[in-house]
Amino acid sequence: TLIETPSVGAPKSWDAHFFCNGVLLGVSLPYGIHGLKLEH
């Protein structure tokens, strides 16, 4: 299951929360460590 929420660290971006059978697996980031834009 994917649930998107407004990103805390980057305005006008969205973070993706991934769940497996209701258990949180991880949350995506809008940008990488070198500022590379990441698409979830």
PDB file of all heavy atoms in Angstrom:
ATOM      1  N   THR A   1       0.842  -1.195   0.000  1.00  0.00           N
ATOM      2  CA  THR A   1       0.000   0.000   0.000  1.00  0.00           C
ATOM      3  C   THR A   1       0.873   1.239   0.000  1.00  0.00           C
ATOM      4  O   THR A   1       1.824   1.352   0.778  1.00  0.00           O
ATOM      5  CB  THR A   1      -0.915   0.029   1.233  1.00  0.00           C
ATOM      6  OG1 THR A   1      -1.699  -1.172   1.269  1.00  0.00           O
ATOM      7  CG2 THR A   1      -1.841   1.229   1.202  1.00  0.00           C
ATOM      8  N   LEU A   2       0.539   2.172  -0.880  1.00  0.00           N
ATOM      9  CA  LEU A   2       1.242   3.446  -0.986  1.00  0.00           C
ATOM     10  C   LEU A   2       0.335   4.566  -0.505  1.00  0.00           C
ATOM     11  O   LEU A   2      -0.805   4.708  -0.973  1.00  0.00           O
ATOM     12  CB  LEU A   2       1.663   3.695  -2.441  1.00  0.00           C
ATOM     13  CG  LEU A   2       2.027   5.133  -2.838  1.00  0.00           C
ATOM     14  CD1 LEU A   2       3.262   5.601  -2.098  1.00  0.00           C
ATOM     15  CD2 LEU A   2       2.213   5.244  -4.341  1.00  0.00           C
ATOM     16  N   ILE A   3       0.825   5.357   0.430  1.00  0.00           N
ATOM     17  CA  ILE A   3       0.100   6.537   0.915  1.00  0.00           C
ATOM     18  C   ILE A   3       1.023   7.742   0.764  1.00  0.00           C
ATOM     19  O   ILE A   3       2.133   7.753   1.298  1.00  0.00           O
ATOM     20  CB  ILE A   3      -0.327   6.381   2.386  1.00  0.00           C
ATOM     21  CG1 ILE A   3      -1.291   5.190   2.528  1.00  0.00           C
ATOM     22  CG2 ILE A   3      -0.984   7.658   2.900  1.00  0.00           C
ATOM     23  CD1 ILE A   3      -1.711   4.921   3.952  1.00  0.00           C
ATOM     24  N   GLU A   4       0.556   8.752   0.042  1.00  0.00           N
ATOM     25  CA  GLU A   4       1.343   9.952  -0.187  1.00  0.00           C
ATOM     26  C   GLU A   4       0.919  11.068   0.762  1.00  0.00           C
ATOM     27  O   GLU A   4      -0.275  11.260   1.023  1.00  0.00           O
ATOM     28  CB  GLU A   4       1.199  10.432  -1.629  1.00  0.00           C
ATOM     29  CG  GLU A   4       1.797   9.479  -2.658  1.00  0.00           C
ATOM     30  CD  GLU A   4       1.655   9.993  -4.074  1.00  0.00           C
ATOM     31  OE1 GLU A   4       0.527  10.371  -4.452  1.00  0.00           O
ATOM     32  OE2 GLU A   4       2.670  10.023  -4.797  1.00  0.00           O
ATOM     33  N   THR A   5       1.915  11.792   1.272  1.00  0.00           N
ATOM     34  CA  THR A   5       1.671  12.946   2.138  1.00  0.00           C
ATOM     35  C   THR A   5       2.581  14.081   1.705  1.00  0.00           C
ATOM     36  O   THR A   5       3.654  13.837   1.131  1.00  0.00           O
ATOM     37  CB  THR A   5       1.948  12.609   3.615  1.00  0.00           C
ATOM     38  OG1 THR A   5       3.325  12.209   3.755  1.00  0.00           O
ATOM     39  CG2 THR A   5       1.043  11.491   4.112  1.00  0.00           C
ATOM     40  N   PRO A   6       2.176  15.342   1.970  1.00  0.00           N
ATOM     41  CA  PRO A   6       3.073  16.466   1.637  1.00  0.00           C
ATOM     42  C   PRO A   6       4.420  16.303   2.330  1.00  0.00           C
ATOM     43  O   PRO A   6       4.492  15.945   3.506  1.00  0.00           O
ATOM     44  CB  PRO A   6       2.309  17.685   2.151  1.00  0.00           C
ATOM     45  CG  PRO A   6       0.877  17.259   2.141  1.00  0.00           C
ATOM     46  CD  PRO A   6       0.892  15.804   2.506  1.00  0.00           C
ATOM     47  N   SER A   7       5.487  16.560   1.587  1.00  0.00           N
ATOM     48  CA  SER A   7       6.821  16.366   2.132  1.00  0.00           C
ATOM     49  C   SER A   7       7.146  17.400   3.196  1.00  0.00           C
ATOM     50  O   SER A   7       6.865  18.591   3.036  1.00  0.00           O
ATOM     51  CB  SER A   7       7.857  16.439   1.005  1.00  0.00           C
ATOM     52  OG  SER A   7       9.160  16.297   1.519  1.00  0.00           O
ATOM     53  N   VAL A   8       7.738  16.932   4.284  1.00  0.00           N
ATOM     54  CA  VAL A   8       8.148  17.826   5.363  1.00  0.00           C
ATOM     55  C   VAL A   8       9.408  18.591   4.974  1.00  0.00           C
ATOM     56  O   VAL A   8       9.572  19.778   5.303  1.00  0.00           O
ATOM     57  CB  VAL A   8       8.389  17.028   6.661  1.00  0.00           C
ATOM     58  CG1 VAL A   8       8.909  17.939   7.770  1.00  0.00           C
ATOM     59  CG2 VAL A   8       7.120  16.313   7.094  1.00  0.00           C
ATOM     60  N   GLY A   9      10.304  17.939   4.250  1.00  0.00           N
ATOM     61  CA  GLY A   9      11.596  18.546   3.948  1.00  0.00           C
ATOM     62  C   GLY A   9      11.659  19.319   2.656  1.00  0.00           C
ATOM     63  O   GLY A   9      12.646  20.016   2.411  1.00  0.00           O
ATOM     64  N   ALA A  10      10.660  19.190   1.782  1.00  0.00           N
ATOM     65  CA  ALA A  10      10.708  19.860   0.483  1.00  0.00           C
ATOM     66  C   ALA A  10       9.306  20.354   0.108  1.00  0.00           C
ATOM     67  O   ALA A  10       8.403  19.537  -0.111  1.00  0.00           O
ATOM     68  CB  ALA A  10      11.228  18.916  -0.585  1.00  0.00           C
ATOM     69  N   PRO A  11       9.105  21.662   0.057  1.00  0.00           N
ATOM     70  CA  PRO A  11       7.801  22.203  -0.339  1.00  0.00           C
ATOM     71  C   PRO A  11       7.408  21.754  -1.749  1.00  0.00           C
ATOM     72  O   PRO A  11       8.259  21.528  -2.607  1.00  0.00           O
ATOM     73  CB  PRO A  11       8.006  23.724  -0.270  1.00  0.00           C
ATOM     74  CG  PRO A  11       9.207  23.912   0.596  1.00  0.00           C
ATOM     75  CD  PRO A  11      10.072  22.720   0.380  1.00  0.00           C
ATOM     76  N   LYS A  12       6.131  21.614  -1.966  1.00  0.00           N
ATOM     77  CA  LYS A  12       5.569  21.222  -3.262  1.00  0.00           C
ATOM     78  C   LYS A  12       6.017  19.825  -3.691  1.00  0.00           C
ATOM     79  O   LYS A  12       5.991  19.497  -4.883  1.00  0.00           O
ATOM     80  CB  LYS A  12       5.928  22.245  -4.338  1.00  0.00           C
ATOM     81  CG  LYS A  12       5.405  23.651  -4.053  1.00  0.00           C
ATOM     82  CD  LYS A  12       5.777  24.601  -5.188  1.00  0.00           C
ATOM     83  CE  LYS A  12       5.264  26.018  -4.899  1.00  0.00           C
ATOM     84  NZ  LYS A  12       5.616  26.967  -5.993  1.00  0.00           N
ATOM     85  N   SER A  13       6.466  19.016  -2.751  1.00  0.00           N
ATOM     86  CA  SER A  13       6.841  17.630  -3.038  1.00  0.00           C
ATOM     87  C   SER A  13       6.026  16.702  -2.157  1.00  0.00           C
ATOM     88  O   SER A  13       5.394  17.123  -1.182  1.00  0.00           O
ATOM     89  CB  SER A  13       8.339  17.407  -2.786  1.00  0.00           C
ATOM     90  OG  SER A  13       9.122  18.194  -3.645  1.00  0.00           O
ATOM     91  N   TRP A  14       6.047  15.428  -2.522  1.00  0.00           N
ATOM     92  CA  TRP A  14       5.278  14.426  -1.785  1.00  0.00           C
ATOM     93  C   TRP A  14       6.184  13.309  -1.313  1.00  0.00           C
ATOM     94  O   TRP A  14       7.101  12.891  -2.027  1.00  0.00           O
ATOM     95  CB  TRP A  14       4.162  13.853  -2.673  1.00  0.00           C
ATOM     96  CG  TRP A  14       3.114  14.864  -3.032  1.00  0.00           C
ATOM     97  CD1 TRP A  14       3.176  15.790  -4.033  1.00  0.00           C
ATOM     98  CD2 TRP A  14       1.870  15.061  -2.376  1.00  0.00           C
ATOM     99  NE1 TRP A  14       2.042  16.557  -4.048  1.00  0.00           N
ATOM    100  CE2 TRP A  14       1.211  16.134  -3.049  1.00  0.00           C
ATOM    101  CE3 TRP A  14       1.221  14.446  -1.299  1.00  0.00           C
ATOM    102  CZ2 TRP A  14      -0.044  16.587  -2.665  1.00  0.00           C
ATOM    103  CZ3 TRP A  14      -0.043  14.890  -0.927  1.00  0.00           C
ATOM    104  CH2 TRP A  14      -0.657  15.956  -1.592  1.00  0.00           C
ATOM    105  N   ASP A  15       5.931  12.852  -0.088  1.00  0.00           N
ATOM    106  CA  ASP A  15       6.618  11.673   0.433  1.00  0.00           C
ATOM    107  C   ASP A  15       5.689  10.467   0.280  1.00  0.00           C
ATOM    108  O   ASP A  15       4.475  10.579   0.436  1.00  0.00           O
ATOM    109  CB  ASP A  15       6.963  11.848   1.915  1.00  0.00           C
ATOM    110  CG  ASP A  15       7.984  12.952   2.138  1.00  0.00           C
ATOM    111  OD1 ASP A  15       8.728  13.275   1.186  1.00  0.00           O
ATOM    112  OD2 ASP A  15       8.041  13.489   3.264  1.00  0.00           O
ATOM    113  N   ALA A  16       6.275   9.318  -0.017  1.00  0.00           N
ATOM    114  CA  ALA A  16       5.503   8.091  -0.182  1.00  0.00           C
ATOM    115  C   ALA A  16       5.764   7.156   0.994  1.00  0.00           C
ATOM    116  O   ALA A  16       6.917   6.838   1.289  1.00  0.00           O
ATOM    117  CB  ALA A  16       5.878   7.408  -1.492  1.00  0.00           C
ATOM    118  N   HIS A  17       4.705   6.733   1.659  1.00  0.00           N
ATOM    119  CA  HIS A  17       4.792   5.782   2.765  1.00  0.00           C
ATOM    120  C   HIS A  17       4.351   4.421   2.231  1.00  0.00           C
ATOM    121  O   HIS A  17       3.213   4.263   1.768  1.00  0.00           O
ATOM    122  CB  HIS A  17       3.884   6.219   3.912  1.00  0.00           C
ATOM    123  CG  HIS A  17       4.194   7.591   4.436  1.00  0.00           C
ATOM    124  ND1 HIS A  17       4.744   7.815   5.684  1.00  0.00           N
ATOM    125  CD2 HIS A  17       4.034   8.820   3.874  1.00  0.00           C
ATOM    126  CE1 HIS A  17       4.903   9.108   5.872  1.00  0.00           C
ATOM    127  NE2 HIS A  17       4.472   9.744   4.789  1.00  0.00           N
ATOM    128  N   PHE A  18       5.239   3.449   2.319  1.00  0.00           N
ATOM    129  CA  PHE A  18       4.943   2.112   1.799  1.00  0.00           C
ATOM    130  C   PHE A  18       4.667   1.150   2.961  1.00  0.00           C
ATOM    131  O   PHE A  18       5.446   1.070   3.911  1.00  0.00           O
ATOM    132  CB  PHE A  18       6.102   1.591   0.947  1.00  0.00           C
ATOM    133  CG  PHE A  18       6.268   2.325  -0.356  1.00  0.00           C
ATOM    134  CD1 PHE A  18       7.137   3.398  -0.471  1.00  0.00           C
ATOM    135  CD2 PHE A  18       5.528   1.953  -1.468  1.00  0.00           C
ATOM    136  CE1 PHE A  18       7.286   4.083  -1.664  1.00  0.00           C
ATOM    137  CE2 PHE A  18       5.667   2.629  -2.680  1.00  0.00           C
ATOM    138  CZ  PHE A  18       6.545   3.705  -2.773  1.00  0.00           C
ATOM    139  N   PHE A  19       3.556   0.415   2.836  1.00  0.00           N
ATOM    140  CA  PHE A  19       3.141  -0.546   3.854  1.00  0.00           C
ATOM    141  C   PHE A  19       2.984  -1.917   3.211  1.00  0.00           C
ATOM    142  O   PHE A  19       2.526  -2.043   2.072  1.00  0.00           O
ATOM    143  CB  PHE A  19       1.795  -0.138   4.474  1.00  0.00           C
ATOM    144  CG  PHE A  19       1.819   1.181   5.194  1.00  0.00           C
ATOM    145  CD1 PHE A  19       1.686   2.374   4.490  1.00  0.00           C
ATOM    146  CD2 PHE A  19       1.965   1.224   6.575  1.00  0.00           C
ATOM    147  CE1 PHE A  19       1.686   3.594   5.158  1.00  0.00           C
ATOM    148  CE2 PHE A  19       1.971   2.443   7.245  1.00  0.00           C
ATOM    149  CZ  PHE A  19       1.833   3.630   6.543  1.00  0.00           C
ATOM    150  N   CYS A  20       3.389  -2.955   3.946  1.00  0.00           N
ATOM    151  CA  CYS A  20       3.148  -4.335   3.521  1.00  0.00           C
ATOM    152  C   CYS A  20       2.198  -4.968   4.514  1.00  0.00           C
ATOM    153  O   CYS A  20       2.543  -5.134   5.700  1.00  0.00           O
ATOM    154  CB  CYS A  20       4.456  -5.115   3.464  1.00  0.00           C
ATOM    155  SG  CYS A  20       4.268  -6.815   2.856  1.00  0.00           S
ATOM    156  N   ASN A  21       0.993  -5.289   4.054  1.00  0.00           N
ATOM    157  CA  ASN A  21      -0.059  -5.823   4.940  1.00  0.00           C
ATOM    158  C   ASN A  21      -0.238  -4.940   6.174  1.00  0.00           C
ATOM    159  O   ASN A  21      -0.404  -5.421   7.300  1.00  0.00           O
ATOM    160  CB  ASN A  21       0.259  -7.255   5.364  1.00  0.00           C
ATOM    161  CG  ASN A  21       0.154  -8.234   4.204  1.00  0.00           C
ATOM    162  OD1 ASN A  21      -0.412  -7.927   3.157  1.00  0.00           O
ATOM    163  ND2 ASN A  21       0.718  -9.412   4.377  1.00  0.00           N
ATOM    164  N   GLY A  22      -0.166  -3.624   5.966  1.00  0.00           N
ATOM    165  CA  GLY A  22      -0.402  -2.674   7.045  1.00  0.00           C
ATOM    166  C   GLY A  22       0.820  -2.314   7.869  1.00  0.00           C
ATOM    167  O   GLY A  22       0.738  -1.448   8.742  1.00  0.00           O
ATOM    168  N   VAL A  23       1.973  -2.945   7.619  1.00  0.00           N
ATOM    169  CA  VAL A  23       3.199  -2.667   8.370  1.00  0.00           C
ATOM    170  C   VAL A  23       4.079  -1.728   7.553  1.00  0.00           C
ATOM    171  O   VAL A  23       4.379  -2.006   6.381  1.00  0.00           O
ATOM    172  CB  VAL A  23       3.961  -3.965   8.693  1.00  0.00           C
ATOM    173  CG1 VAL A  23       5.266  -3.647   9.420  1.00  0.00           C
ATOM    174  CG2 VAL A  23       3.095  -4.895   9.528  1.00  0.00           C
ATOM    175  N   LEU A  24       4.494  -0.620   8.166  1.00  0.00           N
ATOM    176  CA  LEU A  24       5.302   0.370   7.450  1.00  0.00           C
ATOM    177  C   LEU A  24       6.666  -0.206   7.071  1.00  0.00           C
ATOM    178  O   LEU A  24       7.403  -0.732   7.913  1.00  0.00           O
ATOM    179  CB  LEU A  24       5.497   1.619   8.316  1.00  0.00           C
ATOM    180  CG  LEU A  24       6.340   2.743   7.697  1.00  0.00           C
ATOM    181  CD1 LEU A  24       5.661   3.325   6.469  1.00  0.00           C
ATOM    182  CD2 LEU A  24       6.618   3.837   8.733  1.00  0.00           C
ATOM    183  N   LEU A  25       7.005  -0.084   5.789  1.00  0.00           N
ATOM    184  CA  LEU A  25       8.304  -0.540   5.288  1.00  0.00           C
ATOM    185  C   LEU A  25       9.305   0.598   5.197  1.00  0.00           C
ATOM    186  O   LEU A  25      10.486   0.419   5.499  1.00  0.00           O
ATOM    187  CB  LEU A  25       8.149  -1.176   3.909  1.00  0.00           C
ATOM    188  CG  LEU A  25       7.230  -2.400   3.808  1.00  0.00           C
ATOM    189  CD1 LEU A  25       7.154  -2.866   2.359  1.00  0.00           C
ATOM    190  CD2 LEU A  25       7.721  -3.508   4.711  1.00  0.00           C
ATOM    191  N   GLY A  26       8.850   1.744   4.762  1.00  0.00           N
ATOM    192  CA  GLY A  26       9.763   2.871   4.593  1.00  0.00           C
ATOM    193  C   GLY A  26       9.049   4.054   3.984  1.00  0.00           C
ATOM    194  O   GLY A  26       7.944   3.946   3.460  1.00  0.00           O
ATOM    195  N   VAL A  27       9.715   5.199   4.060  1.00  0.00           N
ATOM    196  CA  VAL A  27       9.185   6.451   3.526  1.00  0.00           C
ATOM    197  C   VAL A  27      10.193   7.004   2.535  1.00  0.00           C
ATOM    198  O   VAL A  27      11.399   7.059   2.819  1.00  0.00           O
ATOM    199  CB  VAL A  27       8.920   7.477   4.648  1.00  0.00           C
ATOM    200  CG1 VAL A  27       8.327   8.760   4.077  1.00  0.00           C
ATOM    201  CG2 VAL A  27       8.010   6.887   5.715  1.00  0.00           C
ATOM    202  N   SER A  28       9.730   7.414   1.381  1.00  0.00           N
ATOM    203  CA  SER A  28      10.624   7.953   0.359  1.00  0.00           C
ATOM    204  C   SER A  28      11.044   9.380   0.705  1.00  0.00           C
ATOM    205  O   SER A  28      10.407  10.071   1.510  1.00  0.00           O
ATOM    206  CB  SER A  28       9.936   7.939  -1.008  1.00  0.00           C
ATOM    207  OG  SER A  28       8.882   8.891  -1.030  1.00  0.00           O
ATOM    208  N   LEU A  29      12.123   9.812   0.079  1.00  0.00           N
ATOM    209  CA  LEU A  29      12.619  11.182   0.205  1.00  0.00           C
ATOM    210  C   LEU A  29      12.506  11.872  -1.152  1.00  0.00           C
ATOM    211  O   LEU A  29      12.677  11.234  -2.198  1.00  0.00           O
ATOM    212  CB  LEU A  29      14.074  11.188   0.670  1.00  0.00           C
ATOM    213  CG  LEU A  29      14.355  10.601   2.061  1.00  0.00           C
ATOM    214  CD1 LEU A  29      15.864  10.551   2.306  1.00  0.00           C
ATOM    215  CD2 LEU A  29      13.675  11.420   3.139  1.00  0.00           C
ATOM    216  N   PRO A  30      12.243  13.174  -1.162  1.00  0.00           N
ATOM    217  CA  PRO A  30      12.126  13.865  -2.453  1.00  0.00           C
ATOM    218  C   PRO A  30      13.462  14.093  -3.145  1.00  0.00           C
ATOM    219  O   PRO A  30      13.514  14.223  -4.366  1.00  0.00           O
ATOM    220  CB  PRO A  30      11.461  15.192  -2.076  1.00  0.00           C
ATOM    221  CG  PRO A  30      11.807  15.411  -0.646  1.00  0.00           C
ATOM    222  CD  PRO A  30      11.890  14.045  -0.036  1.00  0.00           C
ATOM    223  N   TYR A  31      14.556  14.141  -2.347  1.00  0.00           N
ATOM    224  CA  TYR A  31      15.872  14.401  -2.924  1.00  0.00           C
ATOM    225  C   TYR A  31      16.912  13.468  -2.298  1.00  0.00           C
ATOM    226  O   TYR A  31      16.804  13.088  -1.131  1.00  0.00           O
ATOM    227  CB  TYR A  31      16.305  15.856  -2.694  1.00  0.00           C
ATOM    228  CG  TYR A  31      15.448  16.855  -3.436  1.00  0.00           C
ATOM    229  CD1 TYR A  31      14.370  17.470  -2.799  1.00  0.00           C
ATOM    230  CD2 TYR A  31      15.703  17.180  -4.770  1.00  0.00           C
ATOM    231  CE1 TYR A  31      13.571  18.379  -3.481  1.00  0.00           C
ATOM    232  CE2 TYR A  31      14.910  18.089  -5.443  1.00  0.00           C
ATOM    233  CZ  TYR A  31      13.847  18.686  -4.807  1.00  0.00           C
ATOM    234  OH  TYR A  31      13.053  19.575  -5.483  1.00  0.00           O
ATOM    235  N   GLY A  32      17.927  13.142  -3.096  1.00  0.00           N
ATOM    236  CA  GLY A  32      19.023  12.324  -2.619  1.00  0.00           C
ATOM    237  C   GLY A  32      20.084  13.159  -1.927  1.00  0.00           C
ATOM    238  O   GLY A  32      19.948  14.375  -1.758  1.00  0.00           O
ATOM    239  N   ILE A  33      21.190  12.492  -1.553  1.00  0.00           N
ATOM    240  CA  ILE A  33      22.219  13.163  -0.762  1.00  0.00           C
ATOM    241  C   ILE A  33      22.954  14.241  -1.548  1.00  0.00           C
ATOM    242  O   ILE A  33      23.504  15.161  -0.976  1.00  0.00           O
ATOM    243  CB  ILE A  33      23.234  12.134  -0.202  1.00  0.00           C
ATOM    244  CG1 ILE A  33      23.867  11.335  -1.344  1.00  0.00           C
ATOM    245  CG2 ILE A  33      22.583  11.218   0.802  1.00  0.00           C
ATOM    246  CD1 ILE A  33      24.951  10.385  -0.881  1.00  0.00           C
ATOM    247  N   HIS A  34      22.954  14.164  -2.871  1.00  0.00           N
ATOM    248  CA  HIS A  34      23.634  15.171  -3.687  1.00  0.00           C
ATOM    249  C   HIS A  34      22.631  16.108  -4.362  1.00  0.00           C
ATOM    250  O   HIS A  34      22.958  16.763  -5.361  1.00  0.00           O
ATOM    251  CB  HIS A  34      24.512  14.503  -4.745  1.00  0.00           C
ATOM    252  CG  HIS A  34      25.588  13.646  -4.162  1.00  0.00           C
ATOM    253  ND1 HIS A  34      26.601  14.151  -3.374  1.00  0.00           N
ATOM    254  CD2 HIS A  34      25.805  12.302  -4.239  1.00  0.00           C
ATOM    255  CE1 HIS A  34      27.402  13.177  -3.006  1.00  0.00           C
ATOM    256  NE2 HIS A  34      26.944  12.040  -3.505  1.00  0.00           N
ATOM    257  N   GLY A  35      21.435  16.147  -3.829  1.00  0.00           N
ATOM    258  CA  GLY A  35      20.422  17.024  -4.387  1.00  0.00           C
ATOM    259  C   GLY A  35      19.711  16.468  -5.601  1.00  0.00           C
ATOM    260  O   GLY A  35      18.937  17.183  -6.251  1.00  0.00           O
ATOM    261  N   LEU A  36      19.967  15.207  -5.943  1.00  0.00           N
ATOM    262  CA  LEU A  36      19.312  14.585  -7.094  1.00  0.00           C
ATOM    263  C   LEU A  36      17.837  14.367  -6.792  1.00  0.00           C
ATOM    264  O   LEU A  36      17.481  13.814  -5.752  1.00  0.00           O
ATOM    265  CB  LEU A  36      19.989  13.259  -7.432  1.00  0.00           C
ATOM    266  CG  LEU A  36      19.391  12.465  -8.590  1.00  0.00           C
ATOM    267  CD1 LEU A  36      19.612  13.203  -9.907  1.00  0.00           C
ATOM    268  CD2 LEU A  36      20.015  11.072  -8.664  1.00  0.00           C
ATOM    269  N   LYS A  37      16.977  14.809  -7.695  1.00  0.00           N
ATOM    270  CA  LYS A  37      15.538  14.627  -7.520  1.00  0.00           C
ATOM    271  C   LYS A  37      15.197  13.150  -7.606  1.00  0.00           C
ATOM    272  O   LYS A  37      15.602  12.452  -8.530  1.00  0.00           O
ATOM    273  CB  LYS A  37      14.770  15.397  -8.599  1.00  0.00           C
ATOM    274  CG  LYS A  37      13.253  15.347  -8.443  1.00  0.00           C
ATOM    275  CD  LYS A  37      12.786  16.190  -7.278  1.00  0.00           C
ATOM    276  CE  LYS A  37      11.259  16.341  -7.263  1.00  0.00           C
ATOM    277  NZ  LYS A  37      10.554  15.091  -6.933  1.00  0.00           N
ATOM    278  N   LEU A  38      14.468  12.656  -6.625  1.00  0.00           N
ATOM    279  CA  LEU A  38      14.084  11.248  -6.575  1.00  0.00           C
ATOM    280  C   LEU A  38      12.593  11.108  -6.836  1.00  0.00           C
ATOM    281  O   LEU A  38      11.779  11.809  -6.223  1.00  0.00           O
ATOM    282  CB  LEU A  38      14.432  10.648  -5.206  1.00  0.00           C
ATOM    283  CG  LEU A  38      15.911  10.632  -4.825  1.00  0.00           C
ATOM    284  CD1 LEU A  38      16.088  10.116  -3.397  1.00  0.00           C
ATOM    285  CD2 LEU A  38      16.713   9.777  -5.798  1.00  0.00           C
ATOM    286  N   GLU A  39      12.244  10.217  -7.716  1.00  0.00           N
ATOM    287  CA  GLU A  39      10.840   9.906  -8.003  1.00  0.00           C
ATOM    288  C   GLU A  39      10.496   8.587  -7.324  1.00  0.00           C
ATOM    289  O   GLU A  39      11.156   7.579  -7.551  1.00  0.00           O
ATOM    290  CB  GLU A  39      10.607   9.796  -9.512  1.00  0.00           C
ATOM    291  CG  GLU A  39      10.928  11.072 -10.292  1.00  0.00           C
ATOM    292  CD  GLU A  39       9.957  12.204  -9.979  1.00  0.00           C
ATOM    293  OE1 GLU A  39       8.843  11.916  -9.476  1.00  0.00           O
ATOM    294  OE2 GLU A  39      10.310  13.369 -10.241  1.00  0.00           O
ATOM    295  N   HIS A  40       9.472   8.599  -6.453  1.00  0.00           N
ATOM    296  CA  HIS A  40       9.137   7.359  -5.754  1.00  0.00           C
ATOM    297  C   HIS A  40       8.258   6.456  -6.622  1.00  0.00           C
ATOM    298  O   HIS A  40       7.629   6.889  -7.586  1.00  0.00           O
ATOM    299  CB  HIS A  40       8.467   7.649  -4.406  1.00  0.00           C
ATOM    300  CG  HIS A  40       7.190   8.423  -4.513  1.00  0.00           C
ATOM    301  ND1 HIS A  40       7.103   9.769  -4.233  1.00  0.00           N
ATOM    302  CD2 HIS A  40       5.936   8.034  -4.848  1.00  0.00           C
ATOM    303  CE1 HIS A  40       5.866  10.172  -4.390  1.00  0.00           C
ATOM    304  NE2 HIS A  40       5.127   9.131  -4.779  1.00  0.00           N
TER     305      HIS A  40
END
